[in-house]
N, C-alpha and C. Protein backbone atom coordinates (compact mmCIF):
# COMPACT_ATOMS: atom_id res chain seq x y z
N MET A 1 -14.71 98.41 -46.43
CA MET A 1 -15.62 97.50 -47.08
C MET A 1 -16.29 96.59 -46.41
N SER A 2 -17.39 96.22 -46.38
CA SER A 2 -18.20 95.85 -45.58
C SER A 2 -18.18 93.85 -46.22
N ALA A 3 -18.17 93.35 -45.77
CA ALA A 3 -17.99 91.46 -45.82
C ALA A 3 -18.79 91.21 -47.28
N PRO A 4 -20.29 91.42 -47.16
CA PRO A 4 -20.91 91.20 -47.76
C PRO A 4 -20.64 90.85 -49.24
N ASP A 5 -19.45 91.27 -49.63
CA ASP A 5 -19.07 91.44 -50.78
C ASP A 5 -18.11 90.41 -51.56
N LEU A 6 -17.83 89.10 -50.13
CA LEU A 6 -17.41 87.97 -49.91
C LEU A 6 -18.68 86.58 -50.54
N PRO A 7 -18.62 85.64 -51.14
CA PRO A 7 -19.16 84.70 -51.13
C PRO A 7 -19.56 84.46 -49.76
N ALA A 8 -21.16 83.50 -49.58
CA ALA A 8 -21.60 83.54 -48.70
C ALA A 8 -21.30 81.95 -47.85
N ASP A 9 -20.76 81.24 -48.44
CA ASP A 9 -19.56 80.17 -47.70
C ASP A 9 -17.99 80.58 -47.44
N ARG A 10 -17.79 81.92 -46.88
CA ARG A 10 -16.18 82.30 -46.60
C ARG A 10 -16.53 83.52 -45.47
N PRO A 11 -15.52 83.51 -44.72
CA PRO A 11 -15.22 83.80 -43.46
C PRO A 11 -16.04 85.25 -43.69
N ARG A 12 -16.62 85.87 -42.77
CA ARG A 12 -17.45 87.40 -42.58
C ARG A 12 -16.78 88.28 -42.39
N GLY A 13 -15.08 88.18 -41.98
CA GLY A 13 -14.83 89.27 -41.22
C GLY A 13 -14.46 90.46 -42.21
N PRO A 14 -14.13 91.46 -41.44
CA PRO A 14 -13.77 92.65 -42.64
C PRO A 14 -12.83 92.65 -43.68
N VAL A 15 -13.19 93.16 -45.14
CA VAL A 15 -12.55 92.96 -46.18
C VAL A 15 -11.54 94.26 -46.69
N SER A 16 -10.70 94.26 -47.25
CA SER A 16 -10.25 95.32 -47.70
C SER A 16 -9.50 94.99 -49.05
N ARG A 17 -9.73 96.13 -49.77
CA ARG A 17 -8.80 95.84 -51.53
C ARG A 17 -7.57 96.38 -51.56
N ARG A 18 -6.49 95.30 -51.85
CA ARG A 18 -5.14 95.25 -51.89
C ARG A 18 -4.47 94.11 -52.58
N ILE A 19 -3.14 94.25 -52.71
CA ILE A 19 -2.46 93.80 -53.37
C ILE A 19 -1.74 92.18 -52.50
N PRO A 20 -2.46 91.15 -52.37
CA PRO A 20 -2.12 90.19 -51.58
C PRO A 20 -0.72 89.45 -52.18
N PRO A 21 0.26 89.22 -51.26
CA PRO A 21 1.32 88.58 -51.57
C PRO A 21 1.42 87.58 -52.55
N GLY A 22 2.46 87.77 -53.48
CA GLY A 22 2.41 86.86 -54.98
C GLY A 22 1.56 87.28 -55.35
N GLU A 23 0.73 88.15 -55.79
CA GLU A 23 -0.61 88.70 -56.61
C GLU A 23 0.09 90.08 -57.32
N ASP A 24 -0.39 90.39 -58.47
CA ASP A 24 -0.06 91.30 -58.97
C ASP A 24 -1.23 92.33 -59.46
N ARG A 25 -2.36 92.43 -58.64
CA ARG A 25 -3.20 93.71 -58.66
C ARG A 25 -4.28 93.33 -57.49
N GLU A 26 -5.10 94.33 -56.98
CA GLU A 26 -5.60 94.36 -56.62
C GLU A 26 -6.58 93.28 -56.43
N ARG A 27 -7.35 92.57 -54.78
CA ARG A 27 -8.08 92.31 -54.97
C ARG A 27 -9.21 92.22 -53.61
N LEU A 28 -9.99 91.87 -53.31
CA LEU A 28 -10.56 91.78 -52.18
C LEU A 28 -10.32 90.89 -51.25
N VAL A 29 -9.86 91.10 -49.85
CA VAL A 29 -8.93 90.44 -49.12
C VAL A 29 -9.35 90.37 -47.79
N CYS A 30 -10.10 88.96 -47.54
CA CYS A 30 -10.44 88.93 -45.94
C CYS A 30 -9.32 89.35 -44.80
N ASP A 31 -9.59 90.43 -43.65
CA ASP A 31 -8.58 91.19 -43.37
C ASP A 31 -8.25 89.95 -42.02
N ASP A 32 -9.46 89.36 -41.34
CA ASP A 32 -9.26 88.09 -40.70
C ASP A 32 -8.52 87.11 -40.79
N CYS A 33 -8.95 86.44 -42.14
CA CYS A 33 -8.12 85.13 -42.23
C CYS A 33 -7.39 84.94 -43.81
N GLY A 34 -7.22 86.21 -44.60
CA GLY A 34 -6.47 86.38 -45.59
C GLY A 34 -7.30 85.62 -46.79
N PHE A 35 -8.23 85.46 -46.79
CA PHE A 35 -9.32 84.60 -47.73
C PHE A 35 -9.48 85.52 -49.02
N ILE A 36 -8.88 85.63 -50.32
CA ILE A 36 -8.85 86.37 -51.61
C ILE A 36 -10.23 86.30 -52.21
N ASN A 37 -10.89 86.71 -52.47
CA ASN A 37 -12.15 86.91 -53.31
C ASN A 37 -12.01 86.93 -54.82
N TYR A 38 -11.68 86.22 -55.41
CA TYR A 38 -11.31 86.44 -57.12
C TYR A 38 -12.38 86.98 -57.62
N VAL A 39 -12.26 87.71 -58.56
CA VAL A 39 -13.46 88.24 -59.19
C VAL A 39 -13.03 87.90 -60.87
N ASN A 40 -13.45 86.91 -61.53
CA ASN A 40 -13.33 86.41 -62.65
C ASN A 40 -14.12 86.83 -64.07
N PRO A 41 -13.81 86.83 -65.33
CA PRO A 41 -14.36 87.21 -66.37
C PRO A 41 -15.83 86.39 -66.30
N LYS A 42 -16.92 87.11 -67.14
CA LYS A 42 -18.21 86.06 -67.56
C LYS A 42 -17.74 85.65 -68.05
N ILE A 43 -18.61 84.46 -68.36
CA ILE A 43 -18.55 83.55 -69.65
C ILE A 43 -19.91 83.49 -70.29
N VAL A 44 -20.26 84.20 -71.54
CA VAL A 44 -21.66 84.45 -72.30
C VAL A 44 -21.49 82.99 -73.63
N VAL A 45 -22.77 82.39 -73.69
CA VAL A 45 -22.70 81.69 -74.31
C VAL A 45 -24.23 81.87 -75.28
N GLY A 46 -23.91 81.69 -76.64
CA GLY A 46 -25.18 81.83 -77.17
C GLY A 46 -25.14 81.01 -78.94
N SER A 47 -25.97 81.30 -79.77
CA SER A 47 -25.71 80.44 -80.77
C SER A 47 -26.63 81.52 -82.38
N VAL A 48 -25.96 81.05 -83.50
CA VAL A 48 -26.62 81.73 -84.16
C VAL A 48 -27.70 80.13 -84.82
N ALA A 49 -28.64 80.39 -84.46
CA ALA A 49 -29.53 79.20 -84.86
C ALA A 49 -30.28 79.72 -86.16
N LEU A 50 -30.72 78.72 -87.03
CA LEU A 50 -31.39 78.67 -88.58
C LEU A 50 -32.52 77.93 -88.49
N TRP A 51 -33.34 78.57 -89.08
CA TRP A 51 -34.67 77.44 -89.52
C TRP A 51 -34.32 77.78 -91.25
N GLU A 52 -33.95 76.73 -91.76
CA GLU A 52 -33.63 76.50 -93.46
C GLU A 52 -32.65 77.58 -93.74
N ASP A 53 -32.92 78.80 -94.04
CA ASP A 53 -31.80 79.75 -94.45
C ASP A 53 -31.85 81.15 -93.80
N ARG A 54 -33.01 80.78 -92.64
CA ARG A 54 -33.37 82.22 -92.17
C ARG A 54 -32.41 82.14 -90.75
N ILE A 55 -32.12 83.22 -90.03
CA ILE A 55 -31.16 83.42 -88.54
C ILE A 55 -32.02 83.62 -87.61
N LEU A 56 -32.20 83.35 -86.60
CA LEU A 56 -32.79 83.62 -85.36
C LEU A 56 -32.32 84.80 -84.47
N LEU A 57 -33.04 85.84 -84.49
CA LEU A 57 -32.79 87.60 -84.14
C LEU A 57 -33.41 87.47 -82.86
N CYS A 58 -33.21 88.01 -81.71
CA CYS A 58 -34.56 88.35 -80.65
C CYS A 58 -33.79 89.81 -80.54
N ARG A 59 -35.38 90.87 -80.10
CA ARG A 59 -34.91 92.09 -79.97
C ARG A 59 -35.22 92.11 -78.05
N ARG A 60 -34.22 92.43 -77.66
CA ARG A 60 -33.95 92.62 -76.60
C ARG A 60 -35.13 93.52 -75.23
N ALA A 61 -35.38 93.07 -74.68
CA ALA A 61 -36.43 93.92 -73.62
C ALA A 61 -36.07 94.22 -72.21
N ILE A 62 -34.32 94.20 -72.35
CA ILE A 62 -33.60 94.23 -71.01
C ILE A 62 -32.46 95.46 -71.66
N GLU A 63 -31.66 96.11 -70.49
CA GLU A 63 -30.61 96.54 -70.42
C GLU A 63 -29.95 95.81 -70.35
N PRO A 64 -28.35 95.54 -71.07
CA PRO A 64 -28.06 97.05 -71.97
C PRO A 64 -28.55 97.15 -73.42
N ARG A 65 -28.97 97.82 -73.96
CA ARG A 65 -29.38 97.49 -75.34
C ARG A 65 -30.58 97.42 -75.57
N ASP A 66 -31.83 97.73 -74.77
CA ASP A 66 -32.99 97.40 -74.60
C ASP A 66 -33.44 97.89 -76.05
N GLY A 67 -34.36 96.99 -76.99
CA GLY A 67 -34.64 97.24 -77.78
C GLY A 67 -34.03 97.22 -79.46
N TRP A 68 -32.67 96.69 -79.01
CA TRP A 68 -31.91 96.54 -80.06
C TRP A 68 -31.67 95.07 -80.49
N TRP A 69 -31.42 94.68 -81.63
CA TRP A 69 -31.38 93.17 -81.64
C TRP A 69 -30.18 92.05 -81.55
N THR A 70 -30.30 91.07 -81.52
CA THR A 70 -29.07 90.33 -80.93
C THR A 70 -29.45 88.90 -81.17
N LEU A 71 -28.28 88.19 -80.55
CA LEU A 71 -28.62 86.91 -81.04
C LEU A 71 -29.42 86.03 -79.52
N PRO A 72 -29.64 84.96 -79.57
CA PRO A 72 -29.82 84.61 -78.42
C PRO A 72 -28.62 83.88 -77.44
N ALA A 73 -28.61 84.96 -76.52
CA ALA A 73 -27.26 84.26 -75.83
C ALA A 73 -27.28 84.89 -74.06
N GLY A 74 -26.46 84.88 -73.29
CA GLY A 74 -26.20 84.88 -71.99
C GLY A 74 -25.38 84.67 -71.10
N TYR A 75 -25.42 84.83 -70.04
CA TYR A 75 -24.37 84.24 -69.11
C TYR A 75 -24.49 82.66 -68.36
N MET A 76 -23.62 82.52 -68.65
CA MET A 76 -23.35 80.93 -68.37
C MET A 76 -23.99 80.73 -66.79
N GLU A 77 -24.72 79.45 -66.60
CA GLU A 77 -24.94 79.65 -65.31
C GLU A 77 -24.27 77.84 -64.65
N GLU A 78 -24.38 78.10 -63.21
CA GLU A 78 -23.09 77.21 -62.37
C GLU A 78 -23.61 75.82 -62.85
N ARG A 79 -22.47 75.00 -62.97
CA ARG A 79 -22.91 73.58 -63.11
C ARG A 79 -23.38 73.32 -64.21
N GLU A 80 -23.20 74.06 -65.34
CA GLU A 80 -23.70 73.62 -66.82
C GLU A 80 -22.70 73.74 -67.79
N THR A 81 -23.16 73.49 -69.15
CA THR A 81 -21.89 72.78 -69.82
C THR A 81 -22.22 74.21 -70.90
N THR A 82 -20.97 74.34 -71.60
CA THR A 82 -21.24 75.98 -72.29
C THR A 82 -22.76 75.45 -73.68
N ILE A 83 -22.48 74.08 -74.02
CA ILE A 83 -23.67 73.87 -75.17
C ILE A 83 -25.24 73.74 -74.24
N GLU A 84 -25.08 73.32 -72.97
CA GLU A 84 -26.23 73.62 -72.45
C GLU A 84 -26.96 74.98 -72.16
N GLY A 85 -26.02 75.59 -71.96
CA GLY A 85 -26.21 76.98 -71.47
C GLY A 85 -26.61 77.77 -72.82
N ALA A 86 -26.20 77.35 -74.08
CA ALA A 86 -26.61 78.13 -75.62
C ALA A 86 -27.93 77.66 -75.31
N ARG A 87 -28.17 76.15 -75.36
CA ARG A 87 -29.49 75.97 -75.76
C ARG A 87 -30.84 76.20 -74.24
N ARG A 88 -30.47 76.91 -73.31
CA ARG A 88 -31.38 77.42 -72.64
C ARG A 88 -31.36 78.92 -72.62
N GLU A 89 -30.53 79.31 -73.22
CA GLU A 89 -30.57 80.82 -73.17
C GLU A 89 -31.66 81.04 -74.83
N ALA A 90 -31.45 80.18 -75.76
CA ALA A 90 -32.43 79.61 -76.90
C ALA A 90 -33.84 79.79 -76.34
N TRP A 91 -33.89 79.40 -75.41
CA TRP A 91 -35.15 78.60 -74.56
C TRP A 91 -35.65 79.81 -73.99
N GLU A 92 -34.94 80.55 -73.06
CA GLU A 92 -35.31 81.54 -72.69
C GLU A 92 -35.40 82.83 -73.11
N GLU A 93 -34.83 83.12 -74.47
CA GLU A 93 -35.20 84.23 -74.82
C GLU A 93 -36.11 84.21 -76.04
N ALA A 94 -36.24 82.91 -76.40
CA ALA A 94 -36.88 82.87 -77.78
C ALA A 94 -37.97 81.61 -77.75
N PHE A 95 -37.97 80.73 -76.74
CA PHE A 95 -38.57 79.70 -76.84
C PHE A 95 -38.68 78.37 -77.84
N ALA A 96 -37.01 78.46 -78.22
CA ALA A 96 -36.60 78.27 -79.05
C ALA A 96 -35.74 76.78 -79.24
N ARG A 97 -35.98 75.66 -79.45
CA ARG A 97 -35.26 74.03 -79.09
C ARG A 97 -34.29 74.45 -80.30
N ILE A 98 -33.06 74.03 -79.89
CA ILE A 98 -32.17 73.93 -80.82
C ILE A 98 -31.15 72.92 -80.95
N GLU A 99 -30.39 72.47 -81.61
CA GLU A 99 -29.57 71.40 -82.04
C GLU A 99 -28.30 72.04 -82.21
N ILE A 100 -27.23 71.83 -81.61
CA ILE A 100 -25.67 72.66 -81.57
C ILE A 100 -24.76 71.61 -82.89
N ASP A 101 -24.37 72.72 -83.52
CA ASP A 101 -23.78 71.79 -84.78
C ASP A 101 -21.96 72.05 -84.33
N ALA A 102 -21.87 73.29 -84.18
CA ALA A 102 -20.44 73.62 -84.21
C ALA A 102 -20.01 74.66 -83.41
N LEU A 103 -18.86 74.69 -82.73
CA LEU A 103 -18.42 76.10 -82.07
C LEU A 103 -18.08 77.14 -83.50
N ILE A 104 -18.64 78.45 -83.39
CA ILE A 104 -18.36 79.59 -84.67
C ILE A 104 -16.89 79.91 -83.89
N GLY A 105 -17.13 80.79 -82.85
CA GLY A 105 -16.14 81.16 -82.55
C GLY A 105 -15.89 81.50 -80.85
N VAL A 106 -14.81 81.84 -80.33
CA VAL A 106 -14.67 82.22 -78.99
C VAL A 106 -14.10 83.88 -79.19
N TYR A 107 -14.72 84.92 -78.58
CA TYR A 107 -14.44 86.09 -78.23
C TYR A 107 -14.10 86.91 -77.05
N ASN A 108 -12.94 87.42 -76.94
CA ASN A 108 -12.24 87.60 -75.88
C ASN A 108 -12.74 89.37 -75.87
N ILE A 109 -13.24 89.76 -74.78
CA ILE A 109 -13.77 90.86 -74.58
C ILE A 109 -13.68 91.53 -73.43
N PRO A 110 -12.29 92.24 -73.19
CA PRO A 110 -11.49 92.42 -71.79
C PRO A 110 -12.10 93.45 -70.94
N ARG A 111 -12.42 94.62 -71.87
CA ARG A 111 -12.66 96.14 -71.57
C ARG A 111 -14.08 95.36 -70.57
N ILE A 112 -14.99 94.35 -70.73
CA ILE A 112 -16.08 94.17 -70.12
C ILE A 112 -15.67 92.59 -68.94
N SER A 113 -14.84 92.31 -69.41
CA SER A 113 -14.62 91.30 -68.66
C SER A 113 -15.11 89.69 -69.04
N GLN A 114 -15.87 89.69 -70.29
CA GLN A 114 -16.46 88.87 -71.01
C GLN A 114 -15.39 87.75 -71.92
N VAL A 115 -15.81 86.59 -71.94
CA VAL A 115 -15.45 85.89 -72.79
C VAL A 115 -16.70 85.34 -73.23
N GLN A 116 -17.19 85.24 -74.86
CA GLN A 116 -18.23 84.65 -75.58
C GLN A 116 -17.82 83.69 -76.46
N MET A 117 -18.60 82.58 -76.25
CA MET A 117 -18.58 81.54 -77.06
C MET A 117 -19.98 81.62 -77.69
N ILE A 118 -19.89 81.60 -79.25
CA ILE A 118 -21.22 81.25 -79.71
C ILE A 118 -21.40 80.04 -80.91
N TYR A 119 -22.10 79.29 -80.67
CA TYR A 119 -22.44 77.94 -81.39
C TYR A 119 -23.71 78.42 -82.72
N ARG A 120 -23.07 77.24 -83.81
CA ARG A 120 -23.94 77.24 -84.75
C ARG A 120 -25.10 76.33 -84.60
N ALA A 121 -26.08 76.50 -84.97
CA ALA A 121 -27.55 75.50 -84.15
C ALA A 121 -28.26 75.76 -85.28
N ARG A 122 -28.78 74.65 -85.19
CA ARG A 122 -30.02 74.57 -86.41
C ARG A 122 -31.23 74.63 -84.91
N LEU A 123 -32.77 75.46 -85.49
CA LEU A 123 -33.77 75.56 -85.40
C LEU A 123 -34.28 73.79 -85.07
N LEU A 124 -34.70 73.61 -84.12
CA LEU A 124 -35.98 71.69 -84.07
C LEU A 124 -37.27 72.36 -84.81
N SER A 125 -37.74 73.26 -85.02
CA SER A 125 -39.12 74.02 -85.12
C SER A 125 -39.03 75.33 -85.54
N PRO A 126 -39.84 75.76 -86.73
CA PRO A 126 -40.00 77.31 -86.88
C PRO A 126 -40.73 77.94 -85.73
N GLU A 127 -41.43 77.36 -85.11
CA GLU A 127 -42.18 78.23 -83.82
C GLU A 127 -41.32 78.74 -82.64
N VAL A 128 -41.24 79.89 -82.84
CA VAL A 128 -40.50 80.52 -81.64
C VAL A 128 -41.31 81.47 -81.20
N ALA A 129 -41.11 82.41 -79.98
CA ALA A 129 -42.02 83.75 -79.59
C ALA A 129 -41.00 84.23 -78.31
N ALA A 130 -41.27 85.56 -78.48
CA ALA A 130 -40.67 86.16 -77.60
C ALA A 130 -40.45 85.53 -75.83
N GLY A 131 -39.32 85.56 -75.45
CA GLY A 131 -39.22 85.22 -74.09
C GLY A 131 -39.10 86.37 -73.12
N PRO A 132 -39.12 85.99 -71.77
CA PRO A 132 -39.47 87.38 -70.69
C PRO A 132 -38.03 88.32 -70.78
N GLU A 133 -36.72 88.00 -71.71
CA GLU A 133 -35.92 88.95 -72.13
C GLU A 133 -36.03 89.84 -73.06
N SER A 134 -36.88 89.23 -73.88
CA SER A 134 -37.12 89.66 -75.37
C SER A 134 -38.04 90.15 -75.91
N ARG A 135 -38.43 91.53 -76.49
CA ARG A 135 -39.70 92.38 -76.74
C ARG A 135 -40.39 91.05 -78.00
N GLU A 136 -39.61 91.08 -79.22
CA GLU A 136 -39.97 90.16 -80.47
C GLU A 136 -38.89 89.18 -80.42
N VAL A 137 -39.09 88.13 -81.32
CA VAL A 137 -38.16 87.45 -81.82
C VAL A 137 -38.18 87.02 -83.32
N GLY A 138 -37.36 87.14 -84.18
CA GLY A 138 -38.05 87.11 -85.71
C GLY A 138 -37.14 85.98 -86.48
N LEU A 139 -37.40 85.48 -87.89
CA LEU A 139 -36.50 84.92 -88.47
C LEU A 139 -36.16 85.44 -89.27
N PHE A 140 -34.58 86.15 -89.68
CA PHE A 140 -34.27 86.77 -90.80
C PHE A 140 -33.00 86.13 -92.06
N GLU A 141 -33.43 86.28 -93.36
CA GLU A 141 -33.00 86.01 -94.33
C GLU A 141 -31.72 87.03 -94.01
N TRP A 142 -30.67 87.04 -94.42
CA TRP A 142 -29.12 87.48 -94.26
C TRP A 142 -29.52 88.99 -94.81
N ASP A 143 -30.01 89.39 -96.16
CA ASP A 143 -30.02 90.56 -96.37
C ASP A 143 -31.19 91.39 -95.74
N ASP A 144 -32.01 90.81 -95.34
CA ASP A 144 -33.23 91.04 -94.12
C ASP A 144 -32.37 91.21 -92.66
N ILE A 145 -31.55 91.46 -92.54
CA ILE A 145 -30.72 91.62 -90.96
C ILE A 145 -30.55 92.90 -90.87
N PRO A 146 -31.47 93.29 -89.85
CA PRO A 146 -31.59 95.07 -89.19
C PRO A 146 -29.87 95.23 -88.34
N TRP A 147 -29.52 95.36 -89.63
CA TRP A 147 -27.76 95.35 -89.17
C TRP A 147 -27.55 97.05 -88.66
N ASP A 148 -28.09 97.82 -88.68
CA ASP A 148 -28.13 99.08 -88.23
C ASP A 148 -28.58 99.26 -86.66
N HIS A 149 -29.07 98.41 -86.54
CA HIS A 149 -29.86 97.98 -84.57
C HIS A 149 -29.53 96.81 -84.22
N ILE A 150 -28.45 96.24 -84.50
CA ILE A 150 -27.88 95.28 -83.96
C ILE A 150 -26.90 95.40 -82.37
N ALA A 151 -26.99 94.83 -81.38
CA ALA A 151 -27.16 94.93 -79.94
C ALA A 151 -25.45 95.48 -79.65
N PHE A 152 -24.64 94.19 -80.57
CA PHE A 152 -23.60 94.43 -79.81
C PHE A 152 -22.35 93.85 -81.01
N PRO A 153 -21.14 94.47 -80.76
CA PRO A 153 -20.24 94.29 -81.92
C PRO A 153 -19.93 92.55 -82.15
N SER A 154 -20.04 91.80 -80.90
CA SER A 154 -19.62 90.21 -81.21
C SER A 154 -20.70 89.81 -81.89
N VAL A 155 -22.18 90.19 -81.63
CA VAL A 155 -23.27 89.56 -82.72
C VAL A 155 -22.87 89.91 -84.35
N HIS A 156 -22.12 91.09 -85.02
CA HIS A 156 -21.88 91.20 -86.02
C HIS A 156 -20.34 90.17 -86.47
N TRP A 157 -19.63 89.98 -85.17
CA TRP A 157 -18.26 89.11 -85.66
C TRP A 157 -19.10 87.56 -85.61
N ALA A 158 -19.89 87.14 -84.74
CA ALA A 158 -20.26 85.70 -84.72
C ALA A 158 -20.92 85.55 -86.08
N LEU A 159 -22.01 86.77 -86.61
CA LEU A 159 -23.04 86.41 -88.06
C LEU A 159 -21.81 86.15 -88.74
N GLY A 160 -20.87 87.20 -89.29
CA GLY A 160 -19.48 87.18 -90.13
C GLY A 160 -18.83 85.80 -90.17
N HIS A 161 -18.34 85.16 -88.79
CA HIS A 161 -18.32 84.26 -88.97
C HIS A 161 -19.10 82.69 -89.21
N TRP A 162 -20.20 83.17 -88.88
CA TRP A 162 -21.00 81.95 -89.25
C TRP A 162 -21.06 82.11 -90.81
N ARG A 163 -21.46 83.31 -91.58
CA ARG A 163 -21.17 83.21 -92.76
C ARG A 163 -20.14 82.41 -93.47
N GLU A 164 -18.64 82.80 -92.98
CA GLU A 164 -17.89 82.61 -93.76
C GLU A 164 -17.48 80.94 -93.55
N THR A 165 -18.05 80.00 -92.22
CA THR A 165 -17.85 79.09 -92.05
C THR A 165 -19.28 78.10 -92.09
N ARG A 166 -20.19 78.34 -92.50
CA ARG A 166 -21.61 77.32 -92.75
C ARG A 166 -21.42 76.22 -93.19
N GLY A 167 -20.66 76.57 -94.46
CA GLY A 167 -20.47 75.29 -95.11
C GLY A 167 -19.56 73.73 -94.74
N LEU A 168 -18.84 74.48 -93.62
CA LEU A 168 -17.50 74.12 -93.40
C LEU A 168 -17.88 72.64 -92.17
N THR A 169 -17.15 71.62 -92.18
CA THR A 169 -17.65 70.84 -90.83
C THR A 169 -16.08 70.84 -89.95
N GLY A 170 -15.42 71.13 -90.20
CA GLY A 170 -13.99 71.27 -89.64
C GLY A 170 -14.24 72.49 -88.39
N PHE A 171 -12.99 72.73 -88.14
CA PHE A 171 -13.14 73.18 -86.31
C PHE A 171 -13.48 74.75 -86.97
N PRO A 172 -14.24 75.65 -86.98
CA PRO A 172 -14.38 77.17 -87.00
C PRO A 172 -13.21 77.95 -86.52
N PRO A 173 -13.24 79.30 -87.07
CA PRO A 173 -12.15 80.38 -86.19
C PRO A 173 -12.38 80.47 -85.44
N PHE A 174 -11.00 80.99 -84.24
CA PHE A 174 -11.28 81.52 -83.04
C PHE A 174 -10.82 82.67 -82.99
N GLY A 175 -11.50 83.90 -82.33
CA GLY A 175 -10.63 85.21 -81.46
C GLY A 175 -11.05 86.48 -82.12
N GLU A 176 -10.46 86.80 -83.36
CA GLU A 176 -10.59 88.28 -83.65
C GLU A 176 -11.57 88.54 -84.82
N PRO A 177 -12.57 89.39 -84.61
CA PRO A 177 -13.56 89.36 -85.70
C PRO A 177 -13.13 89.65 -86.88
N PRO A 178 -14.22 89.11 -87.84
CA PRO A 178 -13.93 89.08 -89.25
C PRO A 178 -13.25 90.44 -89.64
N GLU A 179 -12.23 90.40 -90.84
CA GLU A 179 -12.21 91.79 -91.46
C GLU A 179 -13.50 92.68 -92.10
N GLY A 180 -13.44 93.85 -91.72
CA GLY A 180 -14.48 94.84 -92.13
C GLY A 180 -15.27 94.68 -91.31
N LEU A 181 -15.56 93.96 -89.99
CA LEU A 181 -16.94 94.22 -89.24
C LEU A 181 -16.28 94.71 -87.68
C-alpha cells in the first residue's frame, strides 16, 4: 500500500495494513515510524425543517440515491458544531435558513460507518430553492410526503421521531428507529 493513504501532515513512509500492538483490528500503519492511521465513522447532520405544518424535503441530484427524496443533511465539516453543520446543509441543499429547536435523534448505522444527528428546526422563510446537490426541493404536508421515494431508512426514522415529539420541549428519543418504520 502506498503512503498517500496517510494524512498529509504525517510521515510518508510505506504503510501496511496490520493489527498494531494493543489493538484488536487491522489499521493502516507506517512501516517507518509506526504512525497508526485511524479511520473513524463519519458524522452526518441534518434537520426536519418546517414552515407552518409543511416539511422541507430535497430531491437528490447526487449518488447515492440520485432522484430520491431526503432531508437536508450531510457530512460535518472540520471545525464546525453539529448545529452549524445542520444549518450549513440546509443552506447548501435548499438555500434554506433555519433555526434549530431540538435534537430529534441520534442514529447509529454501523454497516456504513455513520452516526447521524438530526435536529428539529423551523424555516425562517418559506423561500427555498434547489442547491447544487438537489434536483428540486419542496414543502410537504405529512400525508403528501413521497414515502415510496424516500432515499434512506434514517429519513423515515427521523420523520417518525419528529412526529412523536413535535409538541414536546423535553429531550427527544435516541437510537433505534420508531416501531413500524
